[in-house]
Amino acid sequence: ELETMQQHLNEFNIYQPSVDAIYQTVEMLPGMFYAFDELLAATDVTRVGWAALVGEKNGKLSYDLIDGQSLQRYPAYHALWMYAHLPVDRVSVDLRNDNLGTMAGADSHRAGMIVYNKGDKEEKINVTLKNLPFAKGDLDVYLVD
């Protein structure tokens, strides 16, 4: 019976004491993608709910994914959107650069990859897609900046 039990992790978010100001900036993204990798490695966890408060800032920081007044989407929203749109079947990627993290997936009709900078300096890369399980397709590139 334990083999069929599901383990859900609710109200998950990354908390970094004394750096709360990153929650509405791109500085949030490396921590989020690191958390995604760690959670994916925890194979006994079957579902994770990302905690995001809904509220007005009133001059203070809030942990919203979308601003309640302007409807501006913050980088954390985009990170969750990108990850949610990756194909489920994960594939490995090696960019040979320790400053860059990657997440990728492919299925019979599409492929997706997230590349994020974990370092302090700008990085340039060339990406070659090969051994995809389909003949051709369109390429969309999204930048969270």
N, C-alpha and C. Protein backbone atom coordinates (compact mmCIF):
# COMPACT_ATOMS: atom_id res chain seq x y z
N GLU A 1 0.81 -1.21 0.00
CA GLU A 1 0.00 0.00 0.00
C GLU A 1 0.85 1.26 0.00
N LEU A 2 2.03 1.22 0.62
CA LEU A 2 2.88 2.41 0.62
C LEU A 2 3.38 2.75 -0.78
N GLU A 3 3.49 1.76 -1.66
CA GLU A 3 3.96 2.02 -3.02
C GLU A 3 2.97 2.85 -3.82
N THR A 4 1.71 2.87 -3.41
CA THR A 4 0.70 3.65 -4.15
C THR A 4 0.39 4.99 -3.48
N MET A 5 1.02 5.25 -2.35
CA MET A 5 0.74 6.49 -1.63
C MET A 5 1.37 7.68 -2.36
N GLN A 6 0.62 8.77 -2.46
CA GLN A 6 1.14 9.99 -3.06
C GLN A 6 1.57 10.96 -1.97
N GLN A 7 2.63 11.68 -2.26
CA GLN A 7 3.13 12.67 -1.31
C GLN A 7 3.07 14.03 -1.98
N HIS A 8 2.25 14.92 -1.45
CA HIS A 8 2.09 16.26 -2.01
C HIS A 8 2.80 17.27 -1.13
N LEU A 9 3.49 18.18 -1.76
CA LEU A 9 4.17 19.26 -1.06
C LEU A 9 3.42 20.55 -1.38
N ASN A 10 2.75 21.10 -0.41
CA ASN A 10 1.92 22.28 -0.62
C ASN A 10 2.61 23.53 -0.09
N GLU A 11 2.24 24.66 -0.66
CA GLU A 11 2.75 25.96 -0.22
C GLU A 11 4.27 26.02 -0.27
N PHE A 12 4.85 25.50 -1.34
CA PHE A 12 6.30 25.53 -1.51
C PHE A 12 6.72 26.84 -2.16
N ASN A 13 7.83 27.39 -1.72
CA ASN A 13 8.43 28.57 -2.32
C ASN A 13 9.87 28.60 -1.85
N ILE A 14 10.69 29.37 -2.50
CA ILE A 14 12.06 29.50 -2.00
C ILE A 14 12.13 30.75 -1.14
N TYR A 15 12.76 30.62 -0.02
CA TYR A 15 12.90 31.75 0.90
C TYR A 15 14.37 32.00 1.11
N GLN A 16 14.78 33.20 0.88
CA GLN A 16 16.18 33.55 1.06
C GLN A 16 16.24 34.74 2.01
N PRO A 17 16.49 34.49 3.28
CA PRO A 17 16.51 35.58 4.26
C PRO A 17 17.43 36.71 3.85
N SER A 18 17.00 37.89 4.10
CA SER A 18 17.72 39.16 3.87
C SER A 18 17.85 39.53 2.40
N VAL A 19 17.30 38.72 1.48
CA VAL A 19 17.33 39.11 0.07
C VAL A 19 15.93 39.06 -0.52
N ASP A 20 14.94 39.44 0.27
CA ASP A 20 13.55 39.42 -0.19
C ASP A 20 13.33 40.27 -1.44
N ALA A 21 14.18 41.27 -1.66
CA ALA A 21 13.99 42.15 -2.80
C ALA A 21 14.10 41.43 -4.13
N ILE A 22 14.62 40.21 -4.17
CA ILE A 22 14.76 39.49 -5.43
C ILE A 22 13.45 38.90 -5.93
N TYR A 23 12.42 38.86 -5.12
CA TYR A 23 11.20 38.13 -5.50
C TYR A 23 10.51 38.67 -6.74
N GLN A 24 10.76 39.89 -7.09
CA GLN A 24 10.13 40.44 -8.29
C GLN A 24 11.16 40.80 -9.35
N THR A 25 12.31 40.13 -9.32
CA THR A 25 13.37 40.37 -10.28
C THR A 25 13.85 39.04 -10.86
N VAL A 26 14.68 39.13 -11.90
CA VAL A 26 15.23 37.92 -12.51
C VAL A 26 16.22 37.20 -11.58
N GLU A 27 16.66 37.87 -10.54
CA GLU A 27 17.56 37.22 -9.58
C GLU A 27 16.89 36.04 -8.89
N MET A 28 15.59 35.96 -8.95
CA MET A 28 14.82 34.86 -8.35
C MET A 28 14.99 33.56 -9.14
N LEU A 29 15.26 33.67 -10.44
CA LEU A 29 15.18 32.50 -11.32
C LEU A 29 16.18 31.39 -11.04
N PRO A 30 17.47 31.66 -10.83
CA PRO A 30 18.37 30.54 -10.56
C PRO A 30 17.95 29.71 -9.34
N GLY A 31 17.47 30.37 -8.30
CA GLY A 31 17.00 29.65 -7.12
C GLY A 31 15.77 28.81 -7.41
N MET A 32 14.88 29.35 -8.25
CA MET A 32 13.69 28.59 -8.62
C MET A 32 14.05 27.35 -9.42
N PHE A 33 14.92 27.51 -10.43
CA PHE A 33 15.28 26.36 -11.25
C PHE A 33 16.07 25.33 -10.45
N TYR A 34 16.90 25.79 -9.52
CA TYR A 34 17.59 24.86 -8.62
C TYR A 34 16.57 24.08 -7.79
N ALA A 35 15.56 24.77 -7.29
CA ALA A 35 14.51 24.10 -6.51
C ALA A 35 13.76 23.09 -7.36
N PHE A 36 13.47 23.43 -8.62
CA PHE A 36 12.80 22.49 -9.52
C PHE A 36 13.64 21.22 -9.66
N ASP A 37 14.94 21.37 -9.89
CA ASP A 37 15.82 20.20 -10.04
C ASP A 37 15.82 19.35 -8.78
N GLU A 38 15.91 19.99 -7.62
CA GLU A 38 15.92 19.25 -6.36
C GLU A 38 14.60 18.51 -6.14
N LEU A 39 13.50 19.15 -6.46
CA LEU A 39 12.19 18.51 -6.29
C LEU A 39 12.01 17.36 -7.27
N LEU A 40 12.50 17.50 -8.49
CA LEU A 40 12.41 16.41 -9.46
C LEU A 40 13.24 15.21 -9.03
N ALA A 41 14.33 15.46 -8.31
CA ALA A 41 15.16 14.36 -7.82
C ALA A 41 14.50 13.62 -6.66
N ALA A 42 13.55 14.27 -6.00
CA ALA A 42 12.81 13.64 -4.90
C ALA A 42 11.65 12.86 -5.49
N THR A 43 11.93 11.67 -5.97
CA THR A 43 10.94 10.90 -6.73
C THR A 43 9.74 10.46 -5.91
N ASP A 44 9.81 10.56 -4.60
CA ASP A 44 8.66 10.19 -3.78
C ASP A 44 7.64 11.34 -3.68
N VAL A 45 8.01 12.54 -4.11
CA VAL A 45 7.08 13.66 -4.12
C VAL A 45 6.33 13.64 -5.46
N THR A 46 5.02 13.54 -5.41
CA THR A 46 4.23 13.40 -6.63
C THR A 46 3.57 14.70 -7.09
N ARG A 47 3.51 15.68 -6.22
CA ARG A 47 2.88 16.95 -6.60
C ARG A 47 3.43 18.06 -5.73
N VAL A 48 3.68 19.23 -6.35
CA VAL A 48 4.18 20.39 -5.62
C VAL A 48 3.30 21.58 -5.97
N GLY A 49 2.85 22.31 -4.96
CA GLY A 49 2.08 23.53 -5.16
C GLY A 49 2.95 24.73 -4.80
N TRP A 50 3.21 25.59 -5.77
CA TRP A 50 4.03 26.78 -5.54
C TRP A 50 3.22 27.83 -4.78
N ALA A 51 3.74 28.30 -3.68
CA ALA A 51 3.04 29.30 -2.87
C ALA A 51 3.29 30.70 -3.43
N ALA A 52 2.22 31.39 -3.70
CA ALA A 52 2.31 32.78 -4.15
C ALA A 52 1.16 33.55 -3.53
N LEU A 53 1.50 34.54 -2.75
CA LEU A 53 0.48 35.32 -2.08
C LEU A 53 -0.24 36.22 -3.06
N VAL A 54 -1.46 36.49 -2.78
CA VAL A 54 -2.23 37.45 -3.57
C VAL A 54 -2.53 38.62 -2.65
N GLY A 55 -2.06 39.77 -3.00
CA GLY A 55 -2.30 40.92 -2.13
C GLY A 55 -1.77 42.18 -2.73
N GLU A 56 -2.07 43.27 -2.10
CA GLU A 56 -1.60 44.56 -2.56
C GLU A 56 -0.28 44.88 -1.88
N LYS A 57 0.58 45.53 -2.62
CA LYS A 57 1.89 45.86 -2.07
C LYS A 57 1.83 47.02 -1.09
N ASN A 58 1.11 48.06 -1.44
CA ASN A 58 1.03 49.25 -0.59
C ASN A 58 2.42 49.73 -0.17
N GLY A 59 3.34 49.79 -1.12
CA GLY A 59 4.68 50.26 -0.81
C GLY A 59 5.59 49.20 -0.23
N LYS A 60 5.09 48.01 0.00
CA LYS A 60 5.90 46.93 0.56
C LYS A 60 6.08 45.84 -0.48
N LEU A 61 7.04 44.99 -0.24
CA LEU A 61 7.27 43.86 -1.12
C LEU A 61 6.17 42.83 -0.93
N SER A 62 5.71 42.24 -2.03
CA SER A 62 4.80 41.11 -1.92
C SER A 62 5.37 39.96 -2.72
N TYR A 63 4.88 38.78 -2.50
CA TYR A 63 5.41 37.59 -3.15
C TYR A 63 4.49 37.14 -4.28
N ASP A 64 3.83 38.09 -4.91
CA ASP A 64 2.92 37.79 -6.00
C ASP A 64 3.68 37.30 -7.23
N LEU A 65 3.01 36.49 -8.04
CA LEU A 65 3.52 36.14 -9.36
C LEU A 65 3.07 37.17 -10.38
N ILE A 66 1.91 37.77 -10.12
CA ILE A 66 1.33 38.80 -10.99
C ILE A 66 0.91 39.97 -10.11
N ASP A 67 1.29 41.18 -10.49
CA ASP A 67 0.91 42.36 -9.72
C ASP A 67 -0.61 42.52 -9.76
N GLY A 68 -1.22 42.65 -8.61
CA GLY A 68 -2.67 42.75 -8.51
C GLY A 68 -3.25 44.02 -9.09
N GLN A 69 -2.46 45.07 -9.22
CA GLN A 69 -2.94 46.34 -9.74
C GLN A 69 -2.70 46.48 -11.25
N SER A 70 -1.46 46.25 -11.66
CA SER A 70 -1.10 46.48 -13.07
C SER A 70 -1.21 45.21 -13.93
N LEU A 71 -1.34 44.05 -13.28
CA LEU A 71 -1.35 42.74 -13.93
C LEU A 71 -0.01 42.39 -14.59
N GLN A 72 1.05 43.11 -14.19
CA GLN A 72 2.40 42.78 -14.67
C GLN A 72 2.78 41.41 -14.15
N ARG A 73 3.32 40.58 -15.02
CA ARG A 73 3.79 39.25 -14.64
C ARG A 73 5.26 39.35 -14.25
N TYR A 74 5.59 38.87 -13.06
CA TYR A 74 6.96 38.93 -12.58
C TYR A 74 7.77 37.74 -13.11
N PRO A 75 9.11 37.82 -13.06
CA PRO A 75 9.93 36.73 -13.58
C PRO A 75 9.60 35.35 -12.99
N ALA A 76 9.20 35.28 -11.73
CA ALA A 76 8.83 33.98 -11.16
C ALA A 76 7.66 33.35 -11.91
N TYR A 77 6.71 34.17 -12.34
CA TYR A 77 5.60 33.67 -13.15
C TYR A 77 6.13 33.05 -14.44
N HIS A 78 7.03 33.76 -15.10
CA HIS A 78 7.58 33.28 -16.36
C HIS A 78 8.38 31.99 -16.17
N ALA A 79 9.09 31.87 -15.07
CA ALA A 79 9.85 30.63 -14.81
C ALA A 79 8.89 29.45 -14.67
N LEU A 80 7.81 29.62 -13.92
CA LEU A 80 6.83 28.55 -13.78
C LEU A 80 6.16 28.23 -15.11
N TRP A 81 5.86 29.27 -15.90
CA TRP A 81 5.24 29.07 -17.21
C TRP A 81 6.16 28.26 -18.13
N MET A 82 7.45 28.65 -18.16
CA MET A 82 8.40 27.94 -19.02
C MET A 82 8.54 26.49 -18.61
N TYR A 83 8.69 26.24 -17.32
CA TYR A 83 8.83 24.86 -16.87
C TYR A 83 7.57 24.04 -17.18
N ALA A 84 6.41 24.63 -16.98
CA ALA A 84 5.14 23.93 -17.23
C ALA A 84 4.96 23.58 -18.70
N HIS A 85 5.61 24.31 -19.59
CA HIS A 85 5.47 24.05 -21.01
C HIS A 85 6.55 23.14 -21.59
N LEU A 86 7.48 22.67 -20.76
CA LEU A 86 8.46 21.70 -21.25
C LEU A 86 7.77 20.36 -21.46
N PRO A 87 8.17 19.60 -22.49
CA PRO A 87 7.66 18.24 -22.60
C PRO A 87 8.03 17.44 -21.35
N VAL A 88 7.19 16.49 -20.99
CA VAL A 88 7.35 15.75 -19.73
C VAL A 88 8.60 14.86 -19.73
N ASP A 89 8.91 14.25 -20.86
CA ASP A 89 10.06 13.34 -20.91
C ASP A 89 11.35 14.14 -20.93
N ARG A 90 12.09 14.07 -19.81
CA ARG A 90 13.30 14.86 -19.67
C ARG A 90 14.44 14.28 -20.50
N VAL A 91 15.28 15.16 -21.00
CA VAL A 91 16.49 14.76 -21.70
C VAL A 91 17.66 15.54 -21.10
N SER A 92 18.86 14.95 -21.18
CA SER A 92 20.01 15.63 -20.61
C SER A 92 20.64 16.56 -21.64
N VAL A 93 21.22 17.63 -21.13
CA VAL A 93 21.88 18.63 -21.96
C VAL A 93 23.19 18.96 -21.27
N ASP A 94 24.26 19.03 -22.04
CA ASP A 94 25.55 19.42 -21.49
C ASP A 94 26.10 20.58 -22.29
N LEU A 95 26.06 21.78 -21.73
CA LEU A 95 26.60 22.97 -22.40
C LEU A 95 28.07 23.18 -22.07
N ARG A 96 28.62 22.32 -21.23
CA ARG A 96 30.03 22.41 -20.82
C ARG A 96 30.37 23.78 -20.23
N ASN A 97 29.47 24.26 -19.41
CA ASN A 97 29.66 25.55 -18.76
C ASN A 97 28.98 25.48 -17.40
N ASP A 98 29.78 25.46 -16.34
CA ASP A 98 29.23 25.33 -14.98
C ASP A 98 28.41 26.53 -14.54
N ASN A 99 28.53 27.66 -15.23
CA ASN A 99 27.75 28.85 -14.89
C ASN A 99 26.34 28.81 -15.45
N LEU A 100 26.06 27.84 -16.32
CA LEU A 100 24.74 27.73 -16.94
C LEU A 100 24.03 26.47 -16.47
N GLY A 101 22.78 26.62 -16.08
CA GLY A 101 21.95 25.48 -15.74
C GLY A 101 20.99 25.20 -16.89
N THR A 102 20.57 23.96 -17.01
CA THR A 102 19.65 23.60 -18.10
C THR A 102 18.57 22.65 -17.60
N MET A 103 17.44 22.72 -18.24
CA MET A 103 16.35 21.76 -18.08
C MET A 103 15.81 21.55 -19.49
N ALA A 104 15.54 20.31 -19.86
CA ALA A 104 15.09 20.06 -21.23
C ALA A 104 14.19 18.84 -21.26
N GLY A 105 13.32 18.81 -22.27
CA GLY A 105 12.43 17.68 -22.48
C GLY A 105 12.09 17.55 -23.95
N ALA A 106 11.69 16.37 -24.34
CA ALA A 106 11.29 16.13 -25.74
C ALA A 106 10.24 15.03 -25.77
N ASP A 107 9.36 15.12 -26.75
CA ASP A 107 8.41 14.03 -27.00
C ASP A 107 8.32 13.85 -28.51
N SER A 108 7.33 13.14 -29.00
CA SER A 108 7.29 12.79 -30.42
C SER A 108 7.05 13.97 -31.36
N HIS A 109 6.63 15.12 -30.86
CA HIS A 109 6.34 16.24 -31.75
C HIS A 109 6.88 17.61 -31.30
N ARG A 110 7.57 17.66 -30.16
CA ARG A 110 8.13 18.94 -29.75
C ARG A 110 9.27 18.73 -28.78
N ALA A 111 10.09 19.75 -28.64
CA ALA A 111 11.20 19.74 -27.70
C ALA A 111 11.29 21.11 -27.05
N GLY A 112 11.84 21.17 -25.86
CA GLY A 112 12.00 22.44 -25.18
C GLY A 112 13.21 22.42 -24.29
N MET A 113 13.80 23.59 -24.08
CA MET A 113 14.98 23.68 -23.22
C MET A 113 14.96 25.02 -22.52
N ILE A 114 15.33 25.00 -21.26
CA ILE A 114 15.51 26.22 -20.47
C ILE A 114 16.99 26.30 -20.14
N VAL A 115 17.58 27.46 -20.42
CA VAL A 115 18.97 27.72 -20.05
C VAL A 115 18.95 28.93 -19.14
N TYR A 116 19.60 28.81 -18.00
CA TYR A 116 19.63 29.94 -17.07
C TYR A 116 21.03 30.15 -16.53
N ASN A 117 21.34 31.40 -16.27
CA ASN A 117 22.67 31.79 -15.83
C ASN A 117 22.74 31.73 -14.31
N LYS A 118 23.65 30.90 -13.80
CA LYS A 118 23.85 30.77 -12.36
C LYS A 118 25.01 31.64 -11.88
N GLY A 119 25.75 32.21 -12.83
CA GLY A 119 26.95 32.97 -12.49
C GLY A 119 26.68 34.46 -12.37
N ASP A 120 27.76 35.19 -12.23
CA ASP A 120 27.69 36.64 -12.05
C ASP A 120 27.97 37.42 -13.31
N LYS A 121 28.38 36.75 -14.39
CA LYS A 121 28.73 37.48 -15.59
C LYS A 121 27.89 37.00 -16.77
N GLU A 122 27.85 37.84 -17.79
CA GLU A 122 27.10 37.50 -19.00
C GLU A 122 27.76 36.30 -19.69
N GLU A 123 26.96 35.41 -20.21
CA GLU A 123 27.46 34.22 -20.90
C GLU A 123 26.92 34.19 -22.32
N LYS A 124 27.71 33.68 -23.25
CA LYS A 124 27.27 33.48 -24.63
C LYS A 124 27.40 32.00 -24.94
N ILE A 125 26.38 31.46 -25.63
CA ILE A 125 26.41 30.05 -25.96
C ILE A 125 25.90 29.83 -27.38
N ASN A 126 26.28 28.71 -27.94
CA ASN A 126 25.70 28.21 -29.17
C ASN A 126 25.01 26.90 -28.81
N VAL A 127 23.81 26.72 -29.27
CA VAL A 127 23.06 25.51 -28.97
C VAL A 127 22.77 24.78 -30.28
N THR A 128 23.07 23.50 -30.32
CA THR A 128 22.76 22.66 -31.46
C THR A 128 21.76 21.61 -31.02
N LEU A 129 20.62 21.58 -31.67
CA LEU A 129 19.60 20.58 -31.37
C LEU A 129 19.82 19.40 -32.31
N LYS A 130 19.99 18.21 -31.74
CA LYS A 130 20.19 17.03 -32.58
C LYS A 130 19.51 15.83 -31.93
N ASN A 131 19.30 14.82 -32.74
CA ASN A 131 18.64 13.58 -32.30
C ASN A 131 17.23 13.82 -31.78
N LEU A 132 16.56 14.82 -32.33
CA LEU A 132 15.17 15.06 -31.94
C LEU A 132 14.27 13.98 -32.54
N PRO A 133 13.20 13.62 -31.86
CA PRO A 133 12.33 12.54 -32.34
C PRO A 133 11.32 12.97 -33.41
N PHE A 134 11.60 14.06 -34.13
CA PHE A 134 10.74 14.51 -35.23
C PHE A 134 11.63 15.18 -36.27
N ALA A 135 11.12 15.31 -37.49
CA ALA A 135 11.94 15.77 -38.62
C ALA A 135 12.22 17.27 -38.63
N LYS A 136 11.20 18.09 -38.37
CA LYS A 136 11.41 19.54 -38.40
C LYS A 136 10.35 20.22 -37.55
N GLY A 137 10.56 21.51 -37.27
CA GLY A 137 9.60 22.26 -36.47
C GLY A 137 9.96 23.73 -36.43
N ASP A 138 9.21 24.49 -35.70
CA ASP A 138 9.45 25.92 -35.51
C ASP A 138 10.21 26.12 -34.20
N LEU A 139 10.94 27.20 -34.12
CA LEU A 139 11.72 27.51 -32.93
C LEU A 139 11.24 28.84 -32.35
N ASP A 140 10.86 28.84 -31.09
CA ASP A 140 10.51 30.06 -30.36
C ASP A 140 11.53 30.25 -29.25
N VAL A 141 11.99 31.48 -29.05
CA VAL A 141 12.94 31.80 -28.01
C VAL A 141 12.30 32.84 -27.09
N TYR A 142 12.36 32.59 -25.79
CA TYR A 142 11.81 33.51 -24.80
C TYR A 142 12.94 33.95 -23.89
N LEU A 143 12.99 35.22 -23.59
CA LEU A 143 14.00 35.77 -22.69
C LEU A 143 13.29 36.38 -21.50
N VAL A 144 13.71 36.02 -20.31
CA VAL A 144 13.22 36.67 -19.10
C VAL A 144 14.35 37.57 -18.64
N ASP A 145 14.13 38.88 -18.76
CA ASP A 145 15.20 39.84 -18.48
C ASP A 145 14.62 41.00 -17.70
